[in-house]
Amino acid sequence: MLIIHPEECIDCGVCEPECPAEAIKPDTEPGLEDWIKLNADYAGKWANLTKKKDPMENAESHDGESGKFEKYFSPLTGEGD
C-alpha cells in the first residue's frame, strides 16, 4: 500500500493510470473521505518512496481481491528509499 499526501498532491492525475490495481482515485470522487483521512494520517508517519520499485511477487494474485484493507493493513511503515 502506498500513501499519497493529500496536501502535497497537485491533482495532476498522472499517478492514476500508473497504478496497475486502479486503486488511485481523484480526491473529488464521492465516498473517499475515509481514504483521504487515512492518507493524511500516514503521510507523515510512513517512509517516503522516490524511486520506482518492482511490484511484490504475488501482487497480481491480489488484484481485485475484496477486503484487502481489513485483511492486510498494518500501521507499521515499510522500507523507504
Protein backbone atom coordinates (compact mmCIF):
# COMPACT_ATOMS: atom_id res chain seq x y z
CA MET A 1 0.00 0.00 0.00
CA LEU A 2 1.22 3.47 -0.84
CA ILE A 3 0.11 6.72 0.70
CA ILE A 4 -0.26 9.96 -1.23
CA HIS A 5 -0.07 13.05 0.93
CA PRO A 6 -3.29 14.96 0.10
CA GLU A 7 -1.70 18.33 0.90
CA GLU A 8 1.30 17.67 -1.38
CA CYS A 9 -0.64 16.17 -4.28
CA ILE A 10 -1.03 18.68 -7.11
CA ASP A 11 -4.05 16.85 -8.58
CA CYS A 12 -2.36 16.28 -11.94
CA GLY A 13 -3.76 12.74 -12.28
CA VAL A 14 -0.50 11.25 -13.59
CA CYS A 15 -0.41 8.56 -10.88
CA GLU A 16 -3.92 7.24 -11.58
CA PRO A 17 -3.20 5.37 -14.85
CA GLU A 18 0.18 4.22 -13.47
CA CYS A 19 -1.45 2.20 -10.68
CA PRO A 20 -1.85 -1.36 -12.01
CA ALA A 21 -4.61 -2.12 -9.48
CA GLU A 22 -6.55 1.06 -10.35
CA ALA A 23 -6.55 1.91 -6.64
CA ILE A 24 -5.77 5.61 -7.02
CA LYS A 25 -8.84 7.78 -7.35
CA PRO A 26 -9.20 11.56 -7.60
CA ASP A 27 -9.99 13.12 -4.21
CA THR A 28 -13.06 14.73 -5.76
CA GLU A 29 -14.75 11.34 -6.21
CA PRO A 30 -17.60 10.91 -3.69
CA GLY A 31 -17.22 8.48 -0.79
CA LEU A 32 -13.44 8.73 -0.42
CA GLU A 33 -13.34 10.80 2.75
CA ASP A 34 -12.04 7.89 4.89
CA TRP A 35 -9.25 7.19 2.37
CA ILE A 36 -8.26 10.87 2.25
CA LYS A 37 -8.06 10.94 6.06
CA LEU A 38 -6.01 7.71 6.10
CA ASN A 39 -3.59 9.18 3.54
CA ALA A 40 -3.25 12.40 5.55
CA ASP A 41 -2.70 10.48 8.81
CA TYR A 42 0.02 8.16 7.47
CA ALA A 43 1.78 10.53 5.06
CA GLY A 44 3.86 11.94 7.88
CA LYS A 45 4.46 8.59 9.57
CA TRP A 46 5.47 6.23 6.77
CA ALA A 47 8.76 6.15 4.87
CA ASN A 48 8.98 8.07 1.58
CA LEU A 49 9.50 6.46 -1.79
CA THR A 50 11.16 8.48 -4.52
CA LYS A 51 12.33 5.61 -6.72
CA LYS A 52 10.24 3.08 -8.58
CA LYS A 53 10.31 -0.41 -7.10
CA ASP A 54 9.20 -3.68 -8.63
CA PRO A 55 5.77 -4.95 -7.53
CA MET A 56 5.66 -7.63 -4.85
CA GLU A 57 5.90 -11.14 -6.31
CA ASN A 58 2.28 -12.01 -5.53
CA ALA A 59 0.77 -8.60 -6.37
CA GLU A 60 -1.25 -9.83 -9.36
CA SER A 61 -2.90 -12.55 -7.28
CA HIS A 62 -4.38 -9.84 -5.02
CA ASP A 63 -5.65 -7.60 -7.83
CA GLY A 64 -9.41 -7.31 -7.45
CA GLU A 65 -9.46 -9.11 -4.10
CA SER A 66 -12.15 -7.77 -1.79
CA GLY A 67 -11.50 -6.84 1.83
CA LYS A 68 -7.75 -6.33 1.35
CA PHE A 69 -7.58 -3.40 3.76
CA GLU A 70 -9.22 -5.35 6.57
CA LYS A 71 -7.07 -8.43 5.89
CA TYR A 72 -3.64 -6.89 5.34
CA PHE A 73 -3.36 -3.30 6.57
CA SER A 74 -0.65 -2.61 9.14
CA PRO A 75 0.12 0.78 10.66
CA LEU A 76 3.84 -0.12 10.55
CA THR A 77 5.88 1.54 7.83
CA GLY A 78 7.61 -0.38 5.09
CA GLU A 79 11.03 0.39 3.70
CA GLY A 80 11.61 3.75 2.06
CA ASP A 81 14.43 4.53 -0.34
